[in-house]
Amino acid sequence: FYVNIGGGEPTVRPDFWELVDYATE
């Protein structure tokens, strides 16, 4: 039901927000 995303600094991945949107969808 949820995942903890980290890194590194995850927001520096160019597709980070795309993946966040895909997960919540």
PDB file of all heavy atoms in Angstrom:
ATOM      1  N   PHE A   1       0.802  -1.229   0.000  1.00  0.00           N
ATOM      2  CA  PHE A   1       0.000   0.000   0.000  1.00  0.00           C
ATOM      3  C   PHE A   1       0.832   1.276   0.000  1.00  0.00           C
ATOM      4  O   PHE A   1       0.330   2.338  -0.304  1.00  0.00           O
ATOM      5  CB  PHE A   1      -0.992   0.011   1.159  1.00  0.00           C
ATOM      6  CG  PHE A   1      -0.381  -0.169   2.520  1.00  0.00           C
ATOM      7  CD1 PHE A   1       0.024   0.926   3.260  1.00  0.00           C
ATOM      8  CD2 PHE A   1      -0.224  -1.439   3.057  1.00  0.00           C
ATOM      9  CE1 PHE A   1       0.582   0.763   4.507  1.00  0.00           C
ATOM     10  CE2 PHE A   1       0.339  -1.606   4.316  1.00  0.00           C
ATOM     11  CZ  PHE A   1       0.748  -0.503   5.048  1.00  0.00           C
ATOM     12  N   TYR A   2       2.127   1.166   0.366  1.00  0.00           N
ATOM     13  CA  TYR A   2       2.975   2.343   0.210  1.00  0.00           C
ATOM     14  C   TYR A   2       4.427   1.921   0.183  1.00  0.00           C
ATOM     15  O   TYR A   2       4.797   0.828   0.614  1.00  0.00           O
ATOM     16  CB  TYR A   2       2.719   3.375   1.313  1.00  0.00           C
ATOM     17  CG  TYR A   2       3.560   3.215   2.563  1.00  0.00           C
ATOM     18  CD1 TYR A   2       4.674   4.022   2.781  1.00  0.00           C
ATOM     19  CD2 TYR A   2       3.252   2.241   3.519  1.00  0.00           C
ATOM     20  CE1 TYR A   2       5.451   3.874   3.920  1.00  0.00           C
ATOM     21  CE2 TYR A   2       4.015   2.101   4.659  1.00  0.00           C
ATOM     22  CZ  TYR A   2       5.115   2.913   4.859  1.00  0.00           C
ATOM     23  OH  TYR A   2       5.887   2.762   5.974  1.00  0.00           O
ATOM     24  N   VAL A   3       5.268   2.821  -0.333  1.00  0.00           N
ATOM     25  CA  VAL A   3       6.693   2.552  -0.432  1.00  0.00           C
ATOM     26  C   VAL A   3       7.465   3.771   0.050  1.00  0.00           C
ATOM     27  O   VAL A   3       7.061   4.912  -0.183  1.00  0.00           O
ATOM     28  CB  VAL A   3       7.078   2.191  -1.887  1.00  0.00           C
ATOM     29  CG1 VAL A   3       6.752   3.321  -2.846  1.00  0.00           C
ATOM     30  CG2 VAL A   3       8.539   1.798  -1.996  1.00  0.00           C
ATOM     31  N   ASN A   4       8.557   3.511   0.793  1.00  0.00           N
ATOM     32  CA  ASN A   4       9.457   4.579   1.223  1.00  0.00           C
ATOM     33  C   ASN A   4      10.518   4.771   0.140  1.00  0.00           C
ATOM     34  O   ASN A   4      11.330   3.871  -0.089  1.00  0.00           O
ATOM     35  CB  ASN A   4      10.158   4.196   2.533  1.00  0.00           C
ATOM     36  CG  ASN A   4       9.203   4.041   3.689  1.00  0.00           C
ATOM     37  OD1 ASN A   4       8.569   4.988   4.100  1.00  0.00           O
ATOM     38  ND2 ASN A   4       9.099   2.819   4.210  1.00  0.00           N
ATOM     39  N   ILE A   5      10.519   5.909  -0.494  1.00  0.00           N
ATOM     40  CA  ILE A   5      11.492   6.163  -1.554  1.00  0.00           C
ATOM     41  C   ILE A   5      12.618   7.033  -1.015  1.00  0.00           C
ATOM     42  O   ILE A   5      12.382   8.065  -0.388  1.00  0.00           O
ATOM     43  CB  ILE A   5      10.829   6.831  -2.772  1.00  0.00           C
ATOM     44  CG1 ILE A   5       9.881   5.836  -3.447  1.00  0.00           C
ATOM     45  CG2 ILE A   5      11.873   7.332  -3.758  1.00  0.00           C
ATOM     46  CD1 ILE A   5       9.196   6.375  -4.685  1.00  0.00           C
ATOM     47  N   GLY A   6      13.837   6.583  -1.263  1.00  0.00           N
ATOM     48  CA  GLY A   6      14.994   7.332  -0.812  1.00  0.00           C
ATOM     49  C   GLY A   6      16.128   7.239  -1.808  1.00  0.00           C
ATOM     50  O   GLY A   6      15.927   7.007  -2.994  1.00  0.00           O
ATOM     51  N   GLY A   7      17.332   7.404  -1.307  1.00  0.00           N
ATOM     52  CA  GLY A   7      18.505   7.356  -2.163  1.00  0.00           C
ATOM     53  C   GLY A   7      19.760   7.290  -1.305  1.00  0.00           C
ATOM     54  O   GLY A   7      19.726   6.708  -0.220  1.00  0.00           O
ATOM     55  N   GLY A   8      20.747   8.007  -1.777  1.00  0.00           N
ATOM     56  CA  GLY A   8      20.800   9.137  -2.661  1.00  0.00           C
ATOM     57  C   GLY A   8      19.707  10.183  -2.372  1.00  0.00           C
ATOM     58  O   GLY A   8      19.000  10.161  -1.400  1.00  0.00           O
ATOM     59  N   GLU A   9      19.663  11.115  -3.285  1.00  0.00           N
ATOM     60  CA  GLU A   9      18.621  12.142  -3.269  1.00  0.00           C
ATOM     61  C   GLU A   9      17.662  11.823  -4.412  1.00  0.00           C
ATOM     62  O   GLU A   9      17.966  12.067  -5.581  1.00  0.00           O
ATOM     63  CB  GLU A   9      19.231  13.531  -3.434  1.00  0.00           C
ATOM     64  CG  GLU A   9      18.235  14.648  -3.670  1.00  0.00           C
ATOM     65  CD  GLU A   9      17.126  14.703  -2.623  1.00  0.00           C
ATOM     66  OE1 GLU A   9      17.426  14.589  -1.411  1.00  0.00           O
ATOM     67  OE2 GLU A   9      15.954  14.845  -3.021  1.00  0.00           O
ATOM     68  N   PRO A  10      16.495  11.240  -4.107  1.00  0.00           N
ATOM     69  CA  PRO A  10      15.631  10.723  -5.170  1.00  0.00           C
ATOM     70  C   PRO A  10      15.125  11.781  -6.135  1.00  0.00           C
ATOM     71  O   PRO A  10      14.894  11.489  -7.310  1.00  0.00           O
ATOM     72  CB  PRO A  10      14.475  10.071  -4.406  1.00  0.00           C
ATOM     73  CG  PRO A  10      14.466  10.750  -3.072  1.00  0.00           C
ATOM     74  CD  PRO A  10      15.914  11.048  -2.773  1.00  0.00           C
ATOM     75  N   THR A  11      14.972  13.034  -5.662  1.00  0.00           N
ATOM     76  CA  THR A  11      14.379  14.047  -6.530  1.00  0.00           C
ATOM     77  C   THR A  11      15.311  14.483  -7.655  1.00  0.00           C
ATOM     78  O   THR A  11      14.872  15.202  -8.560  1.00  0.00           O
ATOM     79  CB  THR A  11      13.955  15.288  -5.721  1.00  0.00           C
ATOM     80  OG1 THR A  11      15.108  15.919  -5.156  1.00  0.00           O
ATOM     81  CG2 THR A  11      12.977  14.918  -4.622  1.00  0.00           C
ATOM     82  N   VAL A  12      16.583  14.073  -7.631  1.00  0.00           N
ATOM     83  CA  VAL A  12      17.463  14.447  -8.732  1.00  0.00           C
ATOM     84  C   VAL A  12      17.326  13.496  -9.912  1.00  0.00           C
ATOM     85  O   VAL A  12      17.893  13.753 -10.980  1.00  0.00           O
ATOM     86  CB  VAL A  12      18.945  14.545  -8.296  1.00  0.00           C
ATOM     87  CG1 VAL A  12      19.112  15.534  -7.166  1.00  0.00           C
ATOM     88  CG2 VAL A  12      19.527  13.186  -7.929  1.00  0.00           C
ATOM     89  N   ARG A  13      16.583  12.401  -9.749  1.00  0.00           N
ATOM     90  CA  ARG A  13      16.294  11.565 -10.920  1.00  0.00           C
ATOM     91  C   ARG A  13      15.361  12.338 -11.838  1.00  0.00           C
ATOM     92  O   ARG A  13      14.309  12.834 -11.406  1.00  0.00           O
ATOM     93  CB  ARG A  13      15.629  10.252 -10.495  1.00  0.00           C
ATOM     94  CG  ARG A  13      16.565   9.071 -10.471  1.00  0.00           C
ATOM     95  CD  ARG A  13      15.827   7.756 -10.339  1.00  0.00           C
ATOM     96  NE  ARG A  13      15.172   7.331 -11.553  1.00  0.00           N
ATOM     97  CZ  ARG A  13      15.259   6.098 -12.073  1.00  0.00           C
ATOM     98  NH1 ARG A  13      15.996   5.183 -11.465  1.00  0.00           N
ATOM     99  NH2 ARG A  13      14.620   5.787 -13.170  1.00  0.00           N
ATOM    100  N   PRO A  14      15.676  12.432 -13.120  1.00  0.00           N
ATOM    101  CA  PRO A  14      14.831  13.209 -14.026  1.00  0.00           C
ATOM    102  C   PRO A  14      13.386  12.724 -14.093  1.00  0.00           C
ATOM    103  O   PRO A  14      12.481  13.511 -14.361  1.00  0.00           O
ATOM    104  CB  PRO A  14      15.527  13.043 -15.385  1.00  0.00           C
ATOM    105  CG  PRO A  14      16.941  12.711 -15.059  1.00  0.00           C
ATOM    106  CD  PRO A  14      16.887  11.916 -13.793  1.00  0.00           C
ATOM    107  N   ASP A  15      13.178  11.433 -13.830  1.00  0.00           N
ATOM    108  CA  ASP A  15      11.827  10.878 -13.929  1.00  0.00           C
ATOM    109  C   ASP A  15      11.157  10.718 -12.569  1.00  0.00           C
ATOM    110  O   ASP A  15      10.141  10.030 -12.455  1.00  0.00           O
ATOM    111  CB  ASP A  15      11.858   9.522 -14.645  1.00  0.00           C
ATOM    112  CG  ASP A  15      12.743   8.498 -13.922  1.00  0.00           C
ATOM    113  OD1 ASP A  15      13.368   8.860 -12.896  1.00  0.00           O
ATOM    114  OD2 ASP A  15      12.824   7.344 -14.387  1.00  0.00           O
ATOM    115  N   PHE A  16      11.699  11.363 -11.540  1.00  0.00           N
ATOM    116  CA  PHE A  16      11.186  11.138 -10.187  1.00  0.00           C
ATOM    117  C   PHE A  16       9.695  11.441 -10.081  1.00  0.00           C
ATOM    118  O   PHE A  16       8.904  10.626  -9.590  1.00  0.00           O
ATOM    119  CB  PHE A  16      11.965  11.972  -9.174  1.00  0.00           C
ATOM    120  CG  PHE A  16      11.395  11.891  -7.784  1.00  0.00           C
ATOM    121  CD1 PHE A  16      11.565  10.752  -7.018  1.00  0.00           C
ATOM    122  CD2 PHE A  16      10.667  12.949  -7.242  1.00  0.00           C
ATOM    123  CE1 PHE A  16      11.023  10.661  -5.737  1.00  0.00           C
ATOM    124  CE2 PHE A  16      10.134  12.874  -5.967  1.00  0.00           C
ATOM    125  CZ  PHE A  16      10.316  11.728  -5.218  1.00  0.00           C
ATOM    126  N   TRP A  17       9.288  12.623 -10.533  1.00  0.00           N
ATOM    127  CA  TRP A  17       7.879  13.014 -10.375  1.00  0.00           C
ATOM    128  C   TRP A  17       6.976  12.149 -11.244  1.00  0.00           C
ATOM    129  O   TRP A  17       5.835  11.850 -10.850  1.00  0.00           O
ATOM    130  CB  TRP A  17       7.717  14.491 -10.702  1.00  0.00           C
ATOM    131  CG  TRP A  17       8.621  15.331  -9.862  1.00  0.00           C
ATOM    132  CD1 TRP A  17       9.764  15.968 -10.248  1.00  0.00           C
ATOM    133  CD2 TRP A  17       8.500  15.578  -8.456  1.00  0.00           C
ATOM    134  NE1 TRP A  17      10.352  16.602  -9.183  1.00  0.00           N
ATOM    135  CE2 TRP A  17       9.601  16.383  -8.072  1.00  0.00           C
ATOM    136  CE3 TRP A  17       7.563  15.206  -7.489  1.00  0.00           C
ATOM    137  CZ2 TRP A  17       9.781  16.815  -6.760  1.00  0.00           C
ATOM    138  CZ3 TRP A  17       7.737  15.636  -6.181  1.00  0.00           C
ATOM    139  CH2 TRP A  17       8.840  16.427  -5.834  1.00  0.00           C
ATOM    140  N   GLU A  18       7.472  11.734 -12.389  1.00  0.00           N
ATOM    141  CA  GLU A  18       6.703  10.816 -13.233  1.00  0.00           C
ATOM    142  C   GLU A  18       6.450   9.505 -12.491  1.00  0.00           C
ATOM    143  O   GLU A  18       5.337   8.939 -12.544  1.00  0.00           O
ATOM    144  CB  GLU A  18       7.464  10.561 -14.537  1.00  0.00           C
ATOM    145  CG  GLU A  18       6.770   9.599 -15.488  1.00  0.00           C
ATOM    146  CD  GLU A  18       7.586   9.337 -16.748  1.00  0.00           C
ATOM    147  OE1 GLU A  18       8.623  10.017 -16.944  1.00  0.00           O
ATOM    148  OE2 GLU A  18       7.192   8.450 -17.539  1.00  0.00           O
ATOM    149  N   LEU A  19       7.468   8.993 -11.794  1.00  0.00           N
ATOM    150  CA  LEU A  19       7.323   7.734 -11.060  1.00  0.00           C
ATOM    151  C   LEU A  19       6.404   7.898  -9.852  1.00  0.00           C
ATOM    152  O   LEU A  19       5.623   6.991  -9.530  1.00  0.00           O
ATOM    153  CB  LEU A  19       8.693   7.217 -10.636  1.00  0.00           C
ATOM    154  CG  LEU A  19       9.609   6.765 -11.772  1.00  0.00           C
ATOM    155  CD1 LEU A  19      10.985   6.392 -11.232  1.00  0.00           C
ATOM    156  CD2 LEU A  19       8.998   5.584 -12.521  1.00  0.00           C
ATOM    157  N   VAL A  20       6.494   9.036  -9.174  1.00  0.00           N
ATOM    158  CA  VAL A  20       5.593   9.289  -8.048  1.00  0.00           C
ATOM    159  C   VAL A  20       4.147   9.301  -8.527  1.00  0.00           C
ATOM    160  O   VAL A  20       3.265   8.671  -7.919  1.00  0.00           O
ATOM    161  CB  VAL A  20       5.950  10.624  -7.357  1.00  0.00           C
ATOM    162  CG1 VAL A  20       4.853  11.032  -6.370  1.00  0.00           C
ATOM    163  CG2 VAL A  20       7.287  10.509  -6.627  1.00  0.00           C
ATOM    164  N   ASP A  21       3.879  10.001  -9.621  1.00  0.00           N
ATOM    165  CA  ASP A  21       2.519  10.051 -10.168  1.00  0.00           C
ATOM    166  C   ASP A  21       2.051   8.655 -10.584  1.00  0.00           C
ATOM    167  O   ASP A  21       0.902   8.268 -10.340  1.00  0.00           O
ATOM    168  CB  ASP A  21       2.463  10.995 -11.368  1.00  0.00           C
ATOM    169  CG  ASP A  21       2.573  12.461 -10.977  1.00  0.00           C
ATOM    170  OD1 ASP A  21       2.386  12.771  -9.780  1.00  0.00           O
ATOM    171  OD2 ASP A  21       2.868  13.295 -11.865  1.00  0.00           O
ATOM    172  N   TYR A  22       2.951   7.899 -11.207  1.00  0.00           N
ATOM    173  CA  TYR A  22       2.581   6.557 -11.666  1.00  0.00           C
ATOM    174  C   TYR A  22       2.236   5.665 -10.473  1.00  0.00           C
ATOM    175  O   TYR A  22       1.262   4.898 -10.516  1.00  0.00           O
ATOM    176  CB  TYR A  22       3.727   5.943 -12.471  1.00  0.00           C
ATOM    177  CG  TYR A  22       3.357   4.644 -13.163  1.00  0.00           C
ATOM    178  CD1 TYR A  22       2.740   4.660 -14.409  1.00  0.00           C
ATOM    179  CD2 TYR A  22       3.618   3.411 -12.569  1.00  0.00           C
ATOM    180  CE1 TYR A  22       2.384   3.474 -15.048  1.00  0.00           C
ATOM    181  CE2 TYR A  22       3.268   2.230 -13.188  1.00  0.00           C
ATOM    182  CZ  TYR A  22       2.655   2.266 -14.438  1.00  0.00           C
ATOM    183  OH  TYR A  22       2.304   1.085 -15.067  1.00  0.00           O
ATOM    184  N   ALA A  23       3.027   5.758  -9.406  1.00  0.00           N
ATOM    185  CA  ALA A  23       2.769   4.935  -8.225  1.00  0.00           C
ATOM    186  C   ALA A  23       1.411   5.263  -7.608  1.00  0.00           C
ATOM    187  O   ALA A  23       0.612   4.364  -7.316  1.00  0.00           O
ATOM    188  CB  ALA A  23       3.885   5.126  -7.194  1.00  0.00           C
ATOM    189  N   THR A  24       1.134   6.542  -7.397  1.00  0.00           N
ATOM    190  CA  THR A  24      -0.124   6.915  -6.752  1.00  0.00           C
ATOM    191  C   THR A  24      -1.320   6.578  -7.634  1.00  0.00           C
ATOM    192  O   THR A  24      -2.387   6.214  -7.128  1.00  0.00           O
ATOM    193  CB  THR A  24      -0.131   8.405  -6.380  1.00  0.00           C
ATOM    194  OG1 THR A  24       0.095   9.203  -7.546  1.00  0.00           O
ATOM    195  CG2 THR A  24       0.959   8.706  -5.355  1.00  0.00           C
ATOM    196  N   GLU A  25      -1.148   6.678  -8.947  1.00  0.00           N
ATOM    197  CA  GLU A  25      -2.221   6.293  -9.863  1.00  0.00           C
ATOM    198  C   GLU A  25      -2.496   4.793  -9.814  1.00  0.00           C
ATOM    199  O   GLU A  25      -3.582   4.339 -10.196  1.00  0.00           O
ATOM    200  CB  GLU A  25      -1.868   6.703 -11.293  1.00  0.00           C
ATOM    201  CG  GLU A  25      -1.911   8.214 -11.526  1.00  0.00           C
ATOM    202  CD  GLU A  25      -1.216   8.622 -12.817  1.00  0.00           C
ATOM    203  OE1 GLU A  25      -0.720   7.718 -13.536  1.00  0.00           O
ATOM    204  OE2 GLU A  25      -1.140   9.836 -13.088  1.00  0.00           O
TER     205      GLU A  25
END
